[in-house]
Amino acid sequence: IIPGKRVKVPTIKDCVLSYECKIIHETDSGNIEPHHLFFGEILAAYTLKEEI
């Protein structure tokens, strides 16, 4: 686990693909309680070059 660069949430070091985002909107999912839908803005994306 390594610290995030743009947000205060850590990420897994050896993930093939990861991204950091901020939540811009949250809403109830409608019929499926108690779930919520989150809409976010991607602030950064990372990939392992050797995996591409």
PDB file of N, CA and C in Angstrom:
ATOM      1  N   ILE A   1       0.863  -1.180   0.000  1.00  0.00           N
ATOM      2  CA  ILE A   1       0.000   0.000   0.000  1.00  0.00           C
ATOM      3  C   ILE A   1       0.904   1.237   0.000  1.00  0.00           C
ATOM      4  N   ILE A   2       0.540   2.204  -0.847  1.00  0.00           N
ATOM      5  CA  ILE A   2       1.278   3.468  -0.918  1.00  0.00           C
ATOM      6  C   ILE A   2       0.285   4.625  -0.799  1.00  0.00           C
ATOM      7  N   PRO A   3       0.740   5.775  -0.318  1.00  0.00           N
ATOM      8  CA  PRO A   3      -0.172   6.916  -0.195  1.00  0.00           C
ATOM      9  C   PRO A   3      -0.613   7.439  -1.556  1.00  0.00           C
ATOM     10  N   GLY A   4      -1.819   7.977  -1.603  1.00  0.00           N
ATOM     11  CA  GLY A   4      -2.293   8.618  -2.824  1.00  0.00           C
ATOM     12  C   GLY A   4      -1.527   9.910  -3.074  1.00  0.00           C
ATOM     13  N   LYS A   5      -1.434  10.295  -4.334  1.00  0.00           N
ATOM     14  CA  LYS A   5      -0.726  11.528  -4.682  1.00  0.00           C
ATOM     15  C   LYS A   5      -1.661  12.728  -4.708  1.00  0.00           C
ATOM     16  N   ARG A   6      -2.925  12.522  -5.075  1.00  0.00           N
ATOM     17  CA  ARG A   6      -3.880  13.633  -5.217  1.00  0.00           C
ATOM     18  C   ARG A   6      -4.963  13.631  -4.143  1.00  0.00           C
ATOM     19  N   VAL A   7      -5.224  12.464  -3.531  1.00  0.00           N
ATOM     20  CA  VAL A   7      -6.244  12.348  -2.486  1.00  0.00           C
ATOM     21  C   VAL A   7      -5.636  11.637  -1.284  1.00  0.00           C
ATOM     22  N   LYS A   8      -6.336  11.639  -0.167  1.00  0.00           N
ATOM     23  CA  LYS A   8      -5.804  11.055   1.065  1.00  0.00           C
ATOM     24  C   LYS A   8      -6.135   9.576   1.222  1.00  0.00           C
ATOM     25  N   VAL A   9      -6.402   8.904   0.115  1.00  0.00           N
ATOM     26  CA  VAL A   9      -6.736   7.484   0.143  1.00  0.00           C
ATOM     27  C   VAL A   9      -5.561   6.696  -0.425  1.00  0.00           C
ATOM     28  N   PRO A  10      -5.105   5.638   0.273  1.00  0.00           N
ATOM     29  CA  PRO A  10      -3.978   4.861  -0.243  1.00  0.00           C
ATOM     30  C   PRO A  10      -4.386   3.998  -1.434  1.00  0.00           C
ATOM     31  N   THR A  11      -3.388   3.528  -2.163  1.00  0.00           N
ATOM     32  CA  THR A  11      -3.620   2.629  -3.290  1.00  0.00           C
ATOM     33  C   THR A  11      -2.687   1.424  -3.158  1.00  0.00           C
ATOM     34  N   ILE A  12      -2.958   0.372  -3.886  1.00  0.00           N
ATOM     35  CA  ILE A  12      -2.119  -0.825  -3.850  1.00  0.00           C
ATOM     36  C   ILE A  12      -0.970  -0.630  -4.827  1.00  0.00           C
ATOM     37  N   LYS A  13       0.250  -0.794  -4.341  1.00  0.00           N
ATOM     38  CA  LYS A  13       1.454  -0.476  -5.110  1.00  0.00           C
ATOM     39  C   LYS A  13       1.546  -1.209  -6.445  1.00  0.00           C
ATOM     40  N   ASP A  14       1.255  -2.485  -6.491  1.00  0.00           N
ATOM     41  CA  ASP A  14       1.473  -3.289  -7.696  1.00  0.00           C
ATOM     42  C   ASP A  14       0.220  -3.497  -8.544  1.00  0.00           C
ATOM     43  N   CYS A  15      -0.785  -2.642  -8.398  1.00  0.00           N
ATOM     44  CA  CYS A  15      -1.975  -2.746  -9.257  1.00  0.00           C
ATOM     45  C   CYS A  15      -1.605  -2.418 -10.697  1.00  0.00           C
ATOM     46  N   VAL A  16      -2.169  -3.159 -11.638  1.00  0.00           N
ATOM     47  CA  VAL A  16      -1.924  -2.904 -13.052  1.00  0.00           C
ATOM     48  C   VAL A  16      -2.493  -1.540 -13.437  1.00  0.00           C
ATOM     49  N   LEU A  17      -3.648  -1.188 -12.879  1.00  0.00           N
ATOM     50  CA  LEU A  17      -4.285   0.095 -13.170  1.00  0.00           C
ATOM     51  C   LEU A  17      -4.945   0.615 -11.904  1.00  0.00           C
ATOM     52  N   SER A  18      -4.740   1.857 -11.594  1.00  0.00           N
ATOM     53  CA  SER A  18      -5.420   2.486 -10.465  1.00  0.00           C
ATOM     54  C   SER A  18      -5.702   3.938 -10.803  1.00  0.00           C
ATOM     55  N   TYR A  19      -6.643   4.518 -10.098  1.00  0.00           N
ATOM     56  CA  TYR A  19      -6.961   5.920 -10.317  1.00  0.00           C
ATOM     57  C   TYR A  19      -7.371   6.558  -8.997  1.00  0.00           C
ATOM     58  N   GLU A  20      -7.286   7.861  -8.948  1.00  0.00           N
ATOM     59  CA  GLU A  20      -7.708   8.636  -7.792  1.00  0.00           C
ATOM     60  C   GLU A  20      -8.825   9.564  -8.243  1.00  0.00           C
ATOM     61  N   CYS A  21      -9.876   9.640  -7.451  1.00  0.00           N
ATOM     62  CA  CYS A  21     -10.981  10.513  -7.832  1.00  0.00           C
ATOM     63  C   CYS A  21     -11.565  11.194  -6.610  1.00  0.00           C
ATOM     64  N   LYS A  22     -12.351  12.243  -6.869  1.00  0.00           N
ATOM     65  CA  LYS A  22     -13.091  12.902  -5.798  1.00  0.00           C
ATOM     66  C   LYS A  22     -14.576  12.735  -6.099  1.00  0.00           C
ATOM     67  N   ILE A  23     -15.357  12.564  -5.052  1.00  0.00           N
ATOM     68  CA  ILE A  23     -16.800  12.403  -5.204  1.00  0.00           C
ATOM     69  C   ILE A  23     -17.407  13.766  -5.499  1.00  0.00           C
ATOM     70  N   ILE A  24     -18.194  13.825  -6.576  1.00  0.00           N
ATOM     71  CA  ILE A  24     -18.843  15.090  -6.922  1.00  0.00           C
ATOM     72  C   ILE A  24     -20.352  15.039  -6.693  1.00  0.00           C
ATOM     73  N   HIS A  25     -20.911  13.818  -6.555  1.00  0.00           N
ATOM     74  CA  HIS A  25     -22.347  13.694  -6.294  1.00  0.00           C
ATOM     75  C   HIS A  25     -22.627  12.320  -5.708  1.00  0.00           C
ATOM     76  N   GLU A  26     -23.543  12.263  -4.755  1.00  0.00           N
ATOM     77  CA  GLU A  26     -23.978  11.005  -4.153  1.00  0.00           C
ATOM     78  C   GLU A  26     -25.498  11.005  -4.120  1.00  0.00           C
ATOM     79  N   THR A  27     -26.100   9.862  -4.439  1.00  0.00           N
ATOM     80  CA  THR A  27     -27.559   9.766  -4.445  1.00  0.00           C
ATOM     81  C   THR A  27     -27.983   8.363  -4.026  1.00  0.00           C
ATOM     82  N   ASP A  28     -29.220   8.219  -3.589  1.00  0.00           N
ATOM     83  CA  ASP A  28     -29.769   6.898  -3.293  1.00  0.00           C
ATOM     84  C   ASP A  28     -29.926   6.126  -4.591  1.00  0.00           C
ATOM     85  N   SER A  29     -29.832   4.804  -4.495  1.00  0.00           N
ATOM     86  CA  SER A  29     -29.906   3.984  -5.697  1.00  0.00           C
ATOM     87  C   SER A  29     -31.333   3.695  -6.136  1.00  0.00           C
ATOM     88  N   GLY A  30     -32.304   4.193  -5.422  1.00  0.00           N
ATOM     89  CA  GLY A  30     -33.696   3.953  -5.804  1.00  0.00           C
ATOM     90  C   GLY A  30     -34.271   2.770  -5.067  1.00  0.00           C
ATOM     91  N   ASN A  31     -34.486   1.673  -5.773  1.00  0.00           N
ATOM     92  CA  ASN A  31     -35.136   0.500  -5.188  1.00  0.00           C
ATOM     93  C   ASN A  31     -34.202  -0.373  -4.367  1.00  0.00           C
ATOM     94  N   ILE A  32     -32.916  -0.207  -4.500  1.00  0.00           N
ATOM     95  CA  ILE A  32     -31.956  -1.102  -3.841  1.00  0.00           C
ATOM     96  C   ILE A  32     -31.415  -0.413  -2.590  1.00  0.00           C
ATOM     97  N   GLU A  33     -32.121  -0.524  -1.495  1.00  0.00           N
ATOM     98  CA  GLU A  33     -31.669   0.084  -0.245  1.00  0.00           C
ATOM     99  C   GLU A  33     -30.745  -0.881   0.456  1.00  0.00           C
ATOM    100  N   PRO A  34     -29.804  -0.508   1.201  1.00  0.00           N
ATOM    101  CA  PRO A  34     -29.355   0.845   1.534  1.00  0.00           C
ATOM    102  C   PRO A  34     -28.185   1.305   0.668  1.00  0.00           C
ATOM    103  N   HIS A  35     -28.159   0.955  -0.589  1.00  0.00           N
ATOM    104  CA  HIS A  35     -27.041   1.288  -1.469  1.00  0.00           C
ATOM    105  C   HIS A  35     -27.115   2.732  -1.963  1.00  0.00           C
ATOM    106  N   HIS A  36     -25.946   3.273  -2.277  1.00  0.00           N
ATOM    107  CA  HIS A  36     -25.842   4.635  -2.792  1.00  0.00           C
ATOM    108  C   HIS A  36     -25.048   4.615  -4.095  1.00  0.00           C
ATOM    109  N   LEU A  37     -25.319   5.553  -4.966  1.00  0.00           N
ATOM    110  CA  LEU A  37     -24.542   5.739  -6.187  1.00  0.00           C
ATOM    111  C   LEU A  37     -23.619   6.928  -5.984  1.00  0.00           C
ATOM    112  N   PHE A  38     -22.373   6.767  -6.397  1.00  0.00           N
ATOM    113  CA  PHE A  38     -21.394   7.839  -6.292  1.00  0.00           C
ATOM    114  C   PHE A  38     -20.935   8.222  -7.689  1.00  0.00           C
ATOM    115  N   PHE A  39     -20.868   9.506  -7.950  1.00  0.00           N
ATOM    116  CA  PHE A  39     -20.338  10.030  -9.201  1.00  0.00           C
ATOM    117  C   PHE A  39     -19.058  10.767  -8.854  1.00  0.00           C
ATOM    118  N   GLY A  40     -17.999  10.509  -9.624  1.00  0.00           N
ATOM    119  CA  GLY A  40     -16.718  11.101  -9.287  1.00  0.00           C
ATOM    120  C   GLY A  40     -16.014  11.721 -10.472  1.00  0.00           C
ATOM    121  N   GLU A  41     -15.045  12.531 -10.138  1.00  0.00           N
ATOM    122  CA  GLU A  41     -14.160  13.131 -11.138  1.00  0.00           C
ATOM    123  C   GLU A  41     -12.793  12.491 -10.974  1.00  0.00           C
ATOM    124  N   ILE A  42     -12.279  11.887 -12.039  1.00  0.00           N
ATOM    125  CA  ILE A  42     -10.962  11.258 -11.978  1.00  0.00           C
ATOM    126  C   ILE A  42      -9.904  12.353 -11.970  1.00  0.00           C
ATOM    127  N   LEU A  43      -9.057  12.333 -10.941  1.00  0.00           N
ATOM    128  CA  LEU A  43      -8.002  13.327 -10.796  1.00  0.00           C
ATOM    129  C   LEU A  43      -6.668  12.835 -11.337  1.00  0.00           C
ATOM    130  N   ALA A  44      -6.441  11.521 -11.286  1.00  0.00           N
ATOM    131  CA  ALA A  44      -5.175  10.951 -11.754  1.00  0.00           C
ATOM    132  C   ALA A  44      -5.388   9.467 -12.041  1.00  0.00           C
ATOM    133  N   ALA A  45      -4.620   8.918 -12.984  1.00  0.00           N
ATOM    134  CA  ALA A  45      -4.663   7.490 -13.309  1.00  0.00           C
ATOM    135  C   ALA A  45      -3.232   6.991 -13.450  1.00  0.00           C
ATOM    136  N   TYR A  46      -2.997   5.764 -12.999  1.00  0.00           N
ATOM    137  CA  TYR A  46      -1.649   5.193 -13.010  1.00  0.00           C
ATOM    138  C   TYR A  46      -1.705   3.777 -13.560  1.00  0.00           C
ATOM    139  N   THR A  47      -0.641   3.362 -14.222  1.00  0.00           N
ATOM    140  CA  THR A  47      -0.531   1.999 -14.726  1.00  0.00           C
ATOM    141  C   THR A  47       0.917   1.531 -14.595  1.00  0.00           C
ATOM    142  N   LEU A  48       1.096   0.218 -14.512  1.00  0.00           N
ATOM    143  CA  LEU A  48       2.441  -0.352 -14.509  1.00  0.00           C
ATOM    144  C   LEU A  48       2.891  -0.483 -15.957  1.00  0.00           C
ATOM    145  N   LYS A  49       3.932   0.195 -16.347  1.00  0.00           N
ATOM    146  CA  LYS A  49       4.378   0.199 -17.746  1.00  0.00           C
ATOM    147  C   LYS A  49       4.686  -1.193 -18.267  1.00  0.00           C
ATOM    148  N   GLU A  50       5.235  -2.037 -17.422  1.00  0.00           N
ATOM    149  CA  GLU A  50       5.606  -3.363 -17.890  1.00  0.00           C
ATOM    150  C   GLU A  50       4.391  -4.254 -18.171  1.00  0.00           C
ATOM    151  N   GLU A  51       3.202  -3.832 -17.772  1.00  0.00           N
ATOM    152  CA  GLU A  51       2.000  -4.622 -17.998  1.00  0.00           C
ATOM    153  C   GLU A  51       1.254  -4.205 -19.256  1.00  0.00           C
ATOM    154  N   ILE A  52       1.627  -3.102 -19.894  1.00  0.00           N
ATOM    155  CA  ILE A  52       0.897  -2.604 -21.067  1.00  0.00           C
ATOM    156  C   ILE A  52       1.317  -3.345 -22.319  1.00  0.00           C
TER     157      ILE A  52
END
